[in-house]
Amino acid sequence: MSTSAARIELRVKPATKAIIQQAAALSQVSLTDFITDIVLTRAQELVNGVAAPPTRQPRPIGGWTFDLPDGWDAPLDDLAEYR
């Protein structure tokens, strides 16, 4: 019986890797099993519609953030008489 596996490579910061390795050790599983279990669980939730897809938050430009006022994208019907 032949067992084949697909390879996925991740690039993370050393501090991130250390935390993941520590969590895997605390869970008493290999790093591969730890990552695979978490990623597979999340992927199945998304595919099965159990979890909402992640939302993208706007990123500040140049360090500045601002909120648009309510109704900023409402139609300008009140200006129709000026056309």
PDB file of N, CA and C in Angstrom:
ATOM      1  N   MET A   1       0.837  -1.164   0.000  1.00  0.00           N
ATOM      2  CA  MET A   1       0.000   0.000   0.000  1.00  0.00           C
ATOM      3  C   MET A   1       0.890   1.237   0.000  1.00  0.00           C
ATOM      4  N   SER A   2       0.646   2.145  -0.929  1.00  0.00           N
ATOM      5  CA  SER A   2       1.456   3.341  -1.062  1.00  0.00           C
ATOM      6  C   SER A   2       0.733   4.527  -0.447  1.00  0.00           C
ATOM      7  N   THR A   3       1.453   5.266   0.360  1.00  0.00           N
ATOM      8  CA  THR A   3       0.891   6.457   0.958  1.00  0.00           C
ATOM      9  C   THR A   3       1.559   7.668   0.329  1.00  0.00           C
ATOM     10  N   SER A   4       0.751   8.557  -0.193  1.00  0.00           N
ATOM     11  CA  SER A   4       1.326   9.778  -0.759  1.00  0.00           C
ATOM     12  C   SER A   4       0.786  10.968   0.006  1.00  0.00           C
ATOM     13  N   ALA A   5       1.552  12.012  -0.017  1.00  0.00           N
ATOM     14  CA  ALA A   5       1.149  13.217   0.692  1.00  0.00           C
ATOM     15  C   ALA A   5       1.501  14.420  -0.166  1.00  0.00           C
ATOM     16  N   ALA A   6       0.673  15.438  -0.087  1.00  0.00           N
ATOM     17  CA  ALA A   6       0.951  16.700  -0.770  1.00  0.00           C
ATOM     18  C   ALA A   6       1.655  17.618   0.217  1.00  0.00           C
ATOM     19  N   ARG A   7       2.509  18.446  -0.313  1.00  0.00           N
ATOM     20  CA  ARG A   7       3.293  19.333   0.548  1.00  0.00           C
ATOM     21  C   ARG A   7       2.763  20.752   0.457  1.00  0.00           C
ATOM     22  N   ILE A   8       2.630  21.407   1.605  1.00  0.00           N
ATOM     23  CA  ILE A   8       2.268  22.819   1.693  1.00  0.00           C
ATOM     24  C   ILE A   8       3.347  23.494   2.526  1.00  0.00           C
ATOM     25  N   GLU A   9       3.907  24.564   1.988  1.00  0.00           N
ATOM     26  CA  GLU A   9       4.928  25.295   2.735  1.00  0.00           C
ATOM     27  C   GLU A   9       4.359  26.621   3.211  1.00  0.00           C
ATOM     28  N   LEU A  10       4.719  26.996   4.424  1.00  0.00           N
ATOM     29  CA  LEU A  10       4.289  28.263   5.004  1.00  0.00           C
ATOM     30  C   LEU A  10       5.514  29.074   5.385  1.00  0.00           C
ATOM     31  N   ARG A  11       5.405  30.363   5.197  1.00  0.00           N
ATOM     32  CA  ARG A  11       6.458  31.259   5.671  1.00  0.00           C
ATOM     33  C   ARG A  11       5.842  32.147   6.749  1.00  0.00           C
ATOM     34  N   VAL A  12       6.395  32.047   7.937  1.00  0.00           N
ATOM     35  CA  VAL A  12       5.905  32.835   9.070  1.00  0.00           C
ATOM     36  C   VAL A  12       7.097  33.453   9.788  1.00  0.00           C
ATOM     37  N   LYS A  13       6.805  34.444  10.593  1.00  0.00           N
ATOM     38  CA  LYS A  13       7.854  35.063  11.405  1.00  0.00           C
ATOM     39  C   LYS A  13       8.331  34.061  12.445  1.00  0.00           C
ATOM     40  N   PRO A  14       9.586  34.160  12.845  1.00  0.00           N
ATOM     41  CA  PRO A  14      10.101  33.217  13.857  1.00  0.00           C
ATOM     42  C   PRO A  14       9.277  33.200  15.143  1.00  0.00           C
ATOM     43  N   ALA A  15       8.795  34.349  15.578  1.00  0.00           N
ATOM     44  CA  ALA A  15       7.981  34.391  16.802  1.00  0.00           C
ATOM     45  C   ALA A  15       6.673  33.633  16.617  1.00  0.00           C
ATOM     46  N   THR A  16       6.080  33.747  15.421  1.00  0.00           N
ATOM     47  CA  THR A  16       4.841  33.023  15.119  1.00  0.00           C
ATOM     48  C   THR A  16       5.091  31.524  15.145  1.00  0.00           C
ATOM     49  N   LYS A  17       6.187  31.110  14.522  1.00  0.00           N
ATOM     50  CA  LYS A  17       6.534  29.686  14.499  1.00  0.00           C
ATOM     51  C   LYS A  17       6.732  29.154  15.911  1.00  0.00           C
ATOM     52  N   ALA A  18       7.399  29.924  16.760  1.00  0.00           N
ATOM     53  CA  ALA A  18       7.657  29.479  18.127  1.00  0.00           C
ATOM     54  C   ALA A  18       6.356  29.269  18.896  1.00  0.00           C
ATOM     55  N   ILE A  19       5.395  30.175  18.715  1.00  0.00           N
ATOM     56  CA  ILE A  19       4.111  30.042  19.401  1.00  0.00           C
ATOM     57  C   ILE A  19       3.366  28.807  18.907  1.00  0.00           C
ATOM     58  N   ILE A  20       3.369  28.592  17.596  1.00  0.00           N
ATOM     59  CA  ILE A  20       2.674  27.424  17.031  1.00  0.00           C
ATOM     60  C   ILE A  20       3.339  26.139  17.505  1.00  0.00           C
ATOM     61  N   GLN A  21       4.665  26.119  17.524  1.00  0.00           N
ATOM     62  CA  GLN A  21       5.375  24.929  18.012  1.00  0.00           C
ATOM     63  C   GLN A  21       5.052  24.659  19.480  1.00  0.00           C
ATOM     64  N   GLN A  22       4.986  25.719  20.275  1.00  0.00           N
ATOM     65  CA  GLN A  22       4.667  25.559  21.694  1.00  0.00           C
ATOM     66  C   GLN A  22       3.249  25.017  21.860  1.00  0.00           C
ATOM     67  N   ALA A  23       2.310  25.522  21.074  1.00  0.00           N
ATOM     68  CA  ALA A  23       0.930  25.044  21.151  1.00  0.00           C
ATOM     69  C   ALA A  23       0.840  23.576  20.736  1.00  0.00           C
ATOM     70  N   ALA A  24       1.577  23.198  19.706  1.00  0.00           N
ATOM     71  CA  ALA A  24       1.581  21.794  19.269  1.00  0.00           C
ATOM     72  C   ALA A  24       2.150  20.897  20.364  1.00  0.00           C
ATOM     73  N   ALA A  25       3.229  21.354  21.003  1.00  0.00           N
ATOM     74  CA  ALA A  25       3.831  20.564  22.081  1.00  0.00           C
ATOM     75  C   ALA A  25       2.867  20.417  23.257  1.00  0.00           C
ATOM     76  N   LEU A  26       2.186  21.510  23.603  1.00  0.00           N
ATOM     77  CA  LEU A  26       1.212  21.446  24.691  1.00  0.00           C
ATOM     78  C   LEU A  26       0.048  20.516  24.350  1.00  0.00           C
ATOM     79  N   SER A  27      -0.281  20.432  23.059  1.00  0.00           N
ATOM     80  CA  SER A  27      -1.359  19.541  22.618  1.00  0.00           C
ATOM     81  C   SER A  27      -0.874  18.108  22.442  1.00  0.00           C
ATOM     82  N   GLN A  28       0.429  17.894  22.571  1.00  0.00           N
ATOM     83  CA  GLN A  28       1.069  16.584  22.435  1.00  0.00           C
ATOM     84  C   GLN A  28       0.828  15.966  21.059  1.00  0.00           C
ATOM     85  N   VAL A  29       0.926  16.805  20.028  1.00  0.00           N
ATOM     86  CA  VAL A  29       0.842  16.331  18.641  1.00  0.00           C
ATOM     87  C   VAL A  29       1.983  16.958  17.860  1.00  0.00           C
ATOM     88  N   SER A  30       2.236  16.410  16.701  1.00  0.00           N
ATOM     89  CA  SER A  30       3.296  16.972  15.861  1.00  0.00           C
ATOM     90  C   SER A  30       2.865  18.328  15.323  1.00  0.00           C
ATOM     91  N   LEU A  31       3.836  19.115  14.907  1.00  0.00           N
ATOM     92  CA  LEU A  31       3.550  20.425  14.335  1.00  0.00           C
ATOM     93  C   LEU A  31       2.656  20.281  13.099  1.00  0.00           C
ATOM     94  N   THR A  32       2.960  19.311  12.261  1.00  0.00           N
ATOM     95  CA  THR A  32       2.157  19.074  11.063  1.00  0.00           C
ATOM     96  C   THR A  32       0.718  18.724  11.420  1.00  0.00           C
ATOM     97  N   ASP A  33       0.533  17.816  12.377  1.00  0.00           N
ATOM     98  CA  ASP A  33      -0.826  17.426  12.774  1.00  0.00           C
ATOM     99  C   ASP A  33      -1.580  18.601  13.396  1.00  0.00           C
ATOM    100  N   PHE A  34      -0.892  19.414  14.184  1.00  0.00           N
ATOM    101  CA  PHE A  34      -1.525  20.567  14.818  1.00  0.00           C
ATOM    102  C   PHE A  34      -2.039  21.547  13.772  1.00  0.00           C
ATOM    103  N   ILE A  35      -1.171  21.926  12.845  1.00  0.00           N
ATOM    104  CA  ILE A  35      -1.555  22.887  11.803  1.00  0.00           C
ATOM    105  C   ILE A  35      -2.637  22.300  10.903  1.00  0.00           C
ATOM    106  N   THR A  36      -2.466  21.062  10.491  1.00  0.00           N
ATOM    107  CA  THR A  36      -3.428  20.433   9.591  1.00  0.00           C
ATOM    108  C   THR A  36      -4.817  20.363  10.224  1.00  0.00           C
ATOM    109  N   ASP A  37      -4.884  19.995  11.487  1.00  0.00           N
ATOM    110  CA  ASP A  37      -6.175  19.872  12.166  1.00  0.00           C
ATOM    111  C   ASP A  37      -6.904  21.214  12.214  1.00  0.00           C
ATOM    112  N   ILE A  38      -6.187  22.260  12.588  1.00  0.00           N
ATOM    113  CA  ILE A  38      -6.818  23.577  12.710  1.00  0.00           C
ATOM    114  C   ILE A  38      -7.244  24.118  11.353  1.00  0.00           C
ATOM    115  N   VAL A  39      -6.363  24.011  10.371  1.00  0.00           N
ATOM    116  CA  VAL A  39      -6.678  24.547   9.045  1.00  0.00           C
ATOM    117  C   VAL A  39      -7.804  23.745   8.398  1.00  0.00           C
ATOM    118  N   LEU A  40      -7.768  22.436   8.522  1.00  0.00           N
ATOM    119  CA  LEU A  40      -8.817  21.601   7.939  1.00  0.00           C
ATOM    120  C   LEU A  40     -10.171  21.876   8.588  1.00  0.00           C
ATOM    121  N   THR A  41     -10.199  22.035   9.902  1.00  0.00           N
ATOM    122  CA  THR A  41     -11.453  22.345  10.596  1.00  0.00           C
ATOM    123  C   THR A  41     -12.039  23.651  10.084  1.00  0.00           C
ATOM    124  N   ARG A  42     -11.222  24.683   9.981  1.00  0.00           N
ATOM    125  CA  ARG A  42     -11.691  25.992   9.492  1.00  0.00           C
ATOM    126  C   ARG A  42     -12.145  25.894   8.042  1.00  0.00           C
ATOM    127  N   ALA A  43     -11.401  25.186   7.219  1.00  0.00           N
ATOM    128  CA  ALA A  43     -11.768  25.042   5.803  1.00  0.00           C
ATOM    129  C   ALA A  43     -13.107  24.326   5.660  1.00  0.00           C
ATOM    130  N   GLN A  44     -13.321  23.272   6.442  1.00  0.00           N
ATOM    131  CA  GLN A  44     -14.596  22.551   6.373  1.00  0.00           C
ATOM    132  C   GLN A  44     -15.752  23.432   6.829  1.00  0.00           C
ATOM    133  N   GLU A  45     -15.545  24.265   7.839  1.00  0.00           N
ATOM    134  CA  GLU A  45     -16.590  25.185   8.288  1.00  0.00           C
ATOM    135  C   GLU A  45     -16.977  26.145   7.166  1.00  0.00           C
ATOM    136  N   LEU A  46     -15.994  26.681   6.480  1.00  0.00           N
ATOM    137  CA  LEU A  46     -16.270  27.616   5.392  1.00  0.00           C
ATOM    138  C   LEU A  46     -16.959  26.929   4.217  1.00  0.00           C
ATOM    139  N   VAL A  47     -16.450  25.772   3.840  1.00  0.00           N
ATOM    140  CA  VAL A  47     -17.014  25.045   2.702  1.00  0.00           C
ATOM    141  C   VAL A  47     -18.443  24.601   2.988  1.00  0.00           C
ATOM    142  N   ASN A  48     -18.715  24.191   4.215  1.00  0.00           N
ATOM    143  CA  ASN A  48     -20.047  23.716   4.579  1.00  0.00           C
ATOM    144  C   ASN A  48     -20.990  24.846   4.982  1.00  0.00           C
ATOM    145  N   GLY A  49     -20.516  26.086   4.957  1.00  0.00           N
ATOM    146  CA  GLY A  49     -21.366  27.216   5.275  1.00  0.00           C
ATOM    147  C   GLY A  49     -21.633  27.394   6.756  1.00  0.00           C
ATOM    148  N   VAL A  50     -20.859  26.734   7.598  1.00  0.00           N
ATOM    149  CA  VAL A  50     -21.061  26.839   9.036  1.00  0.00           C
ATOM    150  C   VAL A  50     -20.510  28.163   9.551  1.00  0.00           C
ATOM    151  N   ALA A  51     -19.419  28.593   8.989  1.00  0.00           N
ATOM    152  CA  ALA A  51     -18.776  29.829   9.439  1.00  0.00           C
ATOM    153  C   ALA A  51     -18.809  30.863   8.323  1.00  0.00           C
ATOM    154  N   ALA A  52     -18.900  32.100   8.706  1.00  0.00           N
ATOM    155  CA  ALA A  52     -18.868  33.175   7.722  1.00  0.00           C
ATOM    156  C   ALA A  52     -17.439  33.368   7.236  1.00  0.00           C
ATOM    157  N   PRO A  53     -17.280  33.712   5.965  1.00  0.00           N
ATOM    158  CA  PRO A  53     -15.925  33.971   5.488  1.00  0.00           C
ATOM    159  C   PRO A  53     -15.346  35.189   6.201  1.00  0.00           C
ATOM    160  N   PRO A  54     -14.047  35.227   6.322  1.00  0.00           N
ATOM    161  CA  PRO A  54     -13.452  36.369   7.021  1.00  0.00           C
ATOM    162  C   PRO A  54     -13.725  37.666   6.276  1.00  0.00           C
ATOM    163  N   THR A  55     -13.955  38.723   7.010  1.00  0.00           N
ATOM    164  CA  THR A  55     -14.167  40.017   6.378  1.00  0.00           C
ATOM    165  C   THR A  55     -12.854  40.768   6.341  1.00  0.00           C
ATOM    166  N   ARG A  56     -12.674  41.518   5.305  1.00  0.00           N
ATOM    167  CA  ARG A  56     -11.455  42.303   5.177  1.00  0.00           C
ATOM    168  C   ARG A  56     -11.701  43.678   5.773  1.00  0.00           C
ATOM    169  N   GLN A  57     -10.861  44.041   6.683  1.00  0.00           N
ATOM    170  CA  GLN A  57     -10.953  45.340   7.318  1.00  0.00           C
ATOM    171  C   GLN A  57     -10.143  46.339   6.504  1.00  0.00           C
ATOM    172  N   PRO A  58     -10.654  47.564   6.356  1.00  0.00           N
ATOM    173  CA  PRO A  58      -9.860  48.550   5.631  1.00  0.00           C
ATOM    174  C   PRO A  58      -8.565  48.837   6.380  1.00  0.00           C
ATOM    175  N   ARG A  59      -7.507  48.968   5.611  1.00  0.00           N
ATOM    176  CA  ARG A  59      -6.221  49.265   6.206  1.00  0.00           C
ATOM    177  C   ARG A  59      -5.965  50.760   6.134  1.00  0.00           C
ATOM    178  N   PRO A  60      -5.431  51.331   7.197  1.00  0.00           N
ATOM    179  CA  PRO A  60      -5.163  52.769   7.169  1.00  0.00           C
ATOM    180  C   PRO A  60      -4.109  53.105   6.125  1.00  0.00           C
ATOM    181  N   ILE A  61      -4.299  54.219   5.468  1.00  0.00           N
ATOM    182  CA  ILE A  61      -3.351  54.689   4.469  1.00  0.00           C
ATOM    183  C   ILE A  61      -2.519  55.791   5.112  1.00  0.00           C
ATOM    184  N   GLY A  62      -1.244  55.614   5.119  1.00  0.00           N
ATOM    185  CA  GLY A  62      -0.370  56.614   5.701  1.00  0.00           C
ATOM    186  C   GLY A  62      -0.582  56.811   7.187  1.00  0.00           C
ATOM    187  N   GLY A  63      -1.152  55.817   7.857  1.00  0.00           N
ATOM    188  CA  GLY A  63      -1.368  55.922   9.285  1.00  0.00           C
ATOM    189  C   GLY A  63      -2.645  56.641   9.676  1.00  0.00           C
ATOM    190  N   TRP A  64      -3.406  57.126   8.698  1.00  0.00           N
ATOM    191  CA  TRP A  64      -4.640  57.859   8.991  1.00  0.00           C
ATOM    192  C   TRP A  64      -5.835  56.952   8.798  1.00  0.00           C
ATOM    193  N   THR A  65      -6.795  57.022   9.689  1.00  0.00           N
ATOM    194  CA  THR A  65      -8.054  56.305   9.525  1.00  0.00           C
ATOM    195  C   THR A  65      -9.193  57.304   9.671  1.00  0.00           C
ATOM    196  N   PHE A  66     -10.296  56.992   9.035  1.00  0.00           N
ATOM    197  CA  PHE A  66     -11.458  57.855   9.135  1.00  0.00           C
ATOM    198  C   PHE A  66     -12.703  57.036   8.869  1.00  0.00           C
ATOM    199  N   ASP A  67     -13.821  57.512   9.353  1.00  0.00           N
ATOM    200  CA  ASP A  67     -15.113  56.878   9.113  1.00  0.00           C
ATOM    201  C   ASP A  67     -15.924  57.779   8.203  1.00  0.00           C
ATOM    202  N   LEU A  68     -16.594  57.178   7.239  1.00  0.00           N
ATOM    203  CA  LEU A  68     -17.482  57.938   6.371  1.00  0.00           C
ATOM    204  C   LEU A  68     -18.811  58.137   7.080  1.00  0.00           C
ATOM    205  N   PRO A  69     -19.445  59.274   6.888  1.00  0.00           N
ATOM    206  CA  PRO A  69     -20.729  59.508   7.557  1.00  0.00           C
ATOM    207  C   PRO A  69     -21.814  58.591   7.002  1.00  0.00           C
ATOM    208  N   ASP A  70     -22.807  58.313   7.822  1.00  0.00           N
ATOM    209  CA  ASP A  70     -23.934  57.499   7.368  1.00  0.00           C
ATOM    210  C   ASP A  70     -24.583  58.155   6.165  1.00  0.00           C
ATOM    211  N   GLY A  71     -24.964  57.333   5.196  1.00  0.00           N
ATOM    212  CA  GLY A  71     -25.655  57.831   4.017  1.00  0.00           C
ATOM    213  C   GLY A  71     -24.743  58.408   2.951  1.00  0.00           C
ATOM    214  N   TRP A  72     -23.431  58.257   3.092  1.00  0.00           N
ATOM    215  CA  TRP A  72     -22.514  58.836   2.112  1.00  0.00           C
ATOM    216  C   TRP A  72     -22.711  58.240   0.721  1.00  0.00           C
ATOM    217  N   ASP A  73     -23.243  57.041   0.658  1.00  0.00           N
ATOM    218  CA  ASP A  73     -23.431  56.402  -0.647  1.00  0.00           C
ATOM    219  C   ASP A  73     -24.899  56.379  -1.076  1.00  0.00           C
ATOM    220  N   ALA A  74     -25.752  57.139  -0.390  1.00  0.00           N
ATOM    221  CA  ALA A  74     -27.176  57.190  -0.744  1.00  0.00           C
ATOM    222  C   ALA A  74     -27.353  57.929  -2.071  1.00  0.00           C
ATOM    223  N   PRO A  75     -28.387  57.577  -2.838  1.00  0.00           N
ATOM    224  CA  PRO A  75     -28.623  58.282  -4.097  1.00  0.00           C
ATOM    225  C   PRO A  75     -28.937  59.759  -3.853  1.00  0.00           C
ATOM    226  N   LEU A  76     -28.603  60.568  -4.809  1.00  0.00           N
ATOM    227  CA  LEU A  76     -28.796  62.011  -4.679  1.00  0.00           C
ATOM    228  C   LEU A  76     -30.108  62.444  -5.322  1.00  0.00           C
ATOM    229  N   ASP A  77     -31.198  61.782  -4.962  1.00  0.00           N
ATOM    230  CA  ASP A  77     -32.502  62.103  -5.540  1.00  0.00           C
ATOM    231  C   ASP A  77     -32.954  63.517  -5.187  1.00  0.00           C
ATOM    232  N   ASP A  78     -32.512  64.010  -4.038  1.00  0.00           N
ATOM    233  CA  ASP A  78     -32.947  65.345  -3.626  1.00  0.00           C
ATOM    234  C   ASP A  78     -32.358  66.442  -4.513  1.00  0.00           C
ATOM    235  N   LEU A  79     -31.376  66.114  -5.336  1.00  0.00           N
ATOM    236  CA  LEU A  79     -30.790  67.104  -6.245  1.00  0.00           C
ATOM    237  C   LEU A  79     -31.307  66.949  -7.679  1.00  0.00           C
ATOM    238  N   ALA A  80     -32.273  66.072  -7.885  1.00  0.00           N
ATOM    239  CA  ALA A  80     -32.791  65.812  -9.223  1.00  0.00           C
ATOM    240  C   ALA A  80     -33.372  67.071  -9.866  1.00  0.00           C
ATOM    241  N   GLU A  81     -33.940  67.968  -9.058  1.00  0.00           N
ATOM    242  CA  GLU A  81     -34.567  69.168  -9.601  1.00  0.00           C
ATOM    243  C   GLU A  81     -33.526  70.133 -10.202  1.00  0.00           C
ATOM    244  N   TYR A  82     -32.262  69.969  -9.871  1.00  0.00           N
ATOM    245  CA  TYR A  82     -31.234  70.847 -10.376  1.00  0.00           C
ATOM    246  C   TYR A  82     -30.607  70.365 -11.682  1.00  0.00           C
ATOM    247  N   ARG A  83     -31.022  69.230 -12.179  1.00  0.00           N
ATOM    248  CA  ARG A  83     -30.443  68.688 -13.421  1.00  0.00           C
ATOM    249  C   ARG A  83     -31.010  69.370 -14.619  1.00  0.00           C
TER     250      ARG A  83
END
